[in-house]
Structure formats: C-alpha cells, structure tokens
Amino acid sequence: MFFRTGKQAKTDPIDDFINSLDYWENINLRIALIRNANHEVSDQDAYNRATLDFKETESLKFQLEKVLKTGISN
C-alpha cells in the first residue's frame, strides 16, 4: 500500500478481488487453484482442502498472485 500526500491510498487489486468473493466463489477459486496445481487430486479432496483453508486469506492471495504473475501453479 502506498501513501501519497493529497491522494487516496492505492489498493491491491488482488485483495479487492478476494474480498469481493462470496463464500462459494472463494471455495470454487480455491478448488480451481488446488486442481490446477495437482491434476490427480479428486474433486472431493480439493473441496475438503478448500474448506479447511477457507480462513487462510494470505495463502489464497499468494497462490492467486503466483498464478497470475508467473503462470506457474505448483
């Protein structure tokens, strides 16, 4: 976050995106990232992991940012 005199602080678009998601959108994004990183994970296992990790916002932000910036998911 950058602070400039006379201007609003710049917000992080990834944080804004994650914060805009409802519960199910958040879970679906997590499932997609988990499955993208490991194609052998079953839908149920990915769902279980996504729900367990739901409150770990920093982890989701890191994973999403990594995929968006590098294209590497694992």
C-alpha atoms as a PDB file:
ATOM      1  CA  MET A   1       0.000   0.000   0.000  1.00  0.00           C
ATOM      2  CA  PHE A   2       1.383   3.377  -0.993  1.00  0.00           C
ATOM      3  CA  PHE A   3       0.532   6.624   0.737  1.00  0.00           C
ATOM      4  CA  ARG A   4       0.806   9.852  -1.190  1.00  0.00           C
ATOM      5  CA  THR A   5       0.053  13.317   0.028  1.00  0.00           C
ATOM      6  CA  GLY A   6      -3.317  14.526  -1.229  1.00  0.00           C
ATOM      7  CA  LYS A   7      -4.211  11.236  -2.912  1.00  0.00           C
ATOM      8  CA  GLN A   8      -6.069   8.155  -1.792  1.00  0.00           C
ATOM      9  CA  ALA A   9      -4.011   5.137  -0.835  1.00  0.00           C
ATOM     10  CA  LYS A  10      -3.624   2.670  -3.679  1.00  0.00           C
ATOM     11  CA  THR A  11      -5.446  -0.580  -3.002  1.00  0.00           C
ATOM     12  CA  ASP A  12      -4.261  -4.013  -4.030  1.00  0.00           C
ATOM     13  CA  PRO A  13      -6.468  -5.350  -6.849  1.00  0.00           C
ATOM     14  CA  ILE A  14      -5.922  -8.966  -5.745  1.00  0.00           C
ATOM     15  CA  ASP A  15      -7.060  -8.149  -2.209  1.00  0.00           C
ATOM     16  CA  ASP A  16     -10.050  -6.292  -3.649  1.00  0.00           C
ATOM     17  CA  PHE A  17     -10.933  -9.274  -5.823  1.00  0.00           C
ATOM     18  CA  ILE A  18     -10.639 -11.808  -2.983  1.00  0.00           C
ATOM     19  CA  ASN A  19     -12.658  -9.579  -0.659  1.00  0.00           C
ATOM     20  CA  SER A  20     -15.402  -9.291  -3.287  1.00  0.00           C
ATOM     21  CA  LEU A  21     -15.958 -13.062  -3.392  1.00  0.00           C
ATOM     22  CA  ASP A  22     -18.783 -14.689  -1.505  1.00  0.00           C
ATOM     23  CA  TYR A  23     -18.165 -17.967   0.350  1.00  0.00           C
ATOM     24  CA  TRP A  24     -18.905 -20.260  -2.601  1.00  0.00           C
ATOM     25  CA  GLU A  25     -16.914 -18.196  -5.085  1.00  0.00           C
ATOM     26  CA  ASN A  26     -13.986 -18.259  -2.662  1.00  0.00           C
ATOM     27  CA  ILE A  27     -14.238 -22.048  -2.293  1.00  0.00           C
ATOM     28  CA  ASN A  28     -14.517 -22.534  -6.066  1.00  0.00           C
ATOM     29  CA  LEU A  29     -11.430 -20.386  -6.669  1.00  0.00           C
ATOM     30  CA  ARG A  30      -9.509 -22.405  -4.107  1.00  0.00           C
ATOM     31  CA  ILE A  31     -10.646 -25.677  -5.709  1.00  0.00           C
ATOM     32  CA  ALA A  32      -9.545 -24.435  -9.133  1.00  0.00           C
ATOM     33  CA  LEU A  33      -6.110 -23.459  -7.812  1.00  0.00           C
ATOM     34  CA  ILE A  34      -5.704 -26.765  -5.961  1.00  0.00           C
ATOM     35  CA  ARG A  35      -6.747 -28.822  -9.004  1.00  0.00           C
ATOM     36  CA  ASN A  36      -4.555 -26.741 -11.297  1.00  0.00           C
ATOM     37  CA  ALA A  37      -1.532 -27.408  -9.097  1.00  0.00           C
ATOM     38  CA  ASN A  38      -2.243 -31.148  -8.842  1.00  0.00           C
ATOM     39  CA  HIS A  39      -4.435 -32.744 -11.505  1.00  0.00           C
ATOM     40  CA  GLU A  40      -4.569 -36.025  -9.586  1.00  0.00           C
ATOM     41  CA  VAL A  41      -6.465 -34.518  -6.632  1.00  0.00           C
ATOM     42  CA  SER A  42     -10.100 -35.592  -6.668  1.00  0.00           C
ATOM     43  CA  ASP A  43     -12.910 -33.049  -6.650  1.00  0.00           C
ATOM     44  CA  GLN A  44     -13.871 -34.138  -3.129  1.00  0.00           C
ATOM     45  CA  ASP A  45     -10.316 -33.865  -1.810  1.00  0.00           C
ATOM     46  CA  ALA A  46      -9.909 -30.426  -3.391  1.00  0.00           C
ATOM     47  CA  TYR A  47     -13.223 -29.325  -1.853  1.00  0.00           C
ATOM     48  CA  ASN A  48     -12.219 -30.653   1.572  1.00  0.00           C
ATOM     49  CA  ARG A  49      -8.876 -28.854   1.424  1.00  0.00           C
ATOM     50  CA  ALA A  50     -10.503 -25.639   0.192  1.00  0.00           C
ATOM     51  CA  THR A  51     -12.978 -25.591   3.065  1.00  0.00           C
ATOM     52  CA  LEU A  52     -10.248 -26.308   5.613  1.00  0.00           C
ATOM     53  CA  ASP A  53      -8.111 -23.477   4.234  1.00  0.00           C
ATOM     54  CA  PHE A  54     -11.017 -21.033   3.866  1.00  0.00           C
ATOM     55  CA  LYS A  55      -9.827 -18.561   6.503  1.00  0.00           C
ATOM     56  CA  GLU A  56      -6.234 -18.502   5.226  1.00  0.00           C
ATOM     57  CA  THR A  57      -6.622 -15.423   3.041  1.00  0.00           C
ATOM     58  CA  GLU A  58      -2.891 -14.743   2.746  1.00  0.00           C
ATOM     59  CA  SER A  59      -2.326 -18.231   1.350  1.00  0.00           C
ATOM     60  CA  LEU A  60      -5.069 -17.729  -1.243  1.00  0.00           C
ATOM     61  CA  LYS A  61      -3.659 -14.335  -2.175  1.00  0.00           C
ATOM     62  CA  PHE A  62      -0.171 -15.801  -2.617  1.00  0.00           C
ATOM     63  CA  GLN A  63      -1.412 -18.698  -4.754  1.00  0.00           C
ATOM     64  CA  LEU A  64      -3.576 -16.474  -6.954  1.00  0.00           C
ATOM     65  CA  GLU A  65      -0.881 -13.840  -7.350  1.00  0.00           C
ATOM     66  CA  LYS A  66       1.685 -16.503  -8.273  1.00  0.00           C
ATOM     67  CA  VAL A  67      -0.554 -17.963 -10.975  1.00  0.00           C
ATOM     68  CA  LEU A  68      -1.487 -14.554 -12.374  1.00  0.00           C
ATOM     69  CA  LYS A  69       2.057 -13.212 -12.469  1.00  0.00           C
ATOM     70  CA  THR A  70       4.035 -16.299 -13.467  1.00  0.00           C
ATOM     71  CA  GLY A  71       1.561 -18.815 -14.854  1.00  0.00           C
ATOM     72  CA  ILE A  72       3.080 -21.397 -12.501  1.00  0.00           C
ATOM     73  CA  SER A  73       0.596 -23.076 -10.197  1.00  0.00           C
ATOM     74  CA  ASN A  74       2.683 -25.562  -8.219  1.00  0.00           C
END
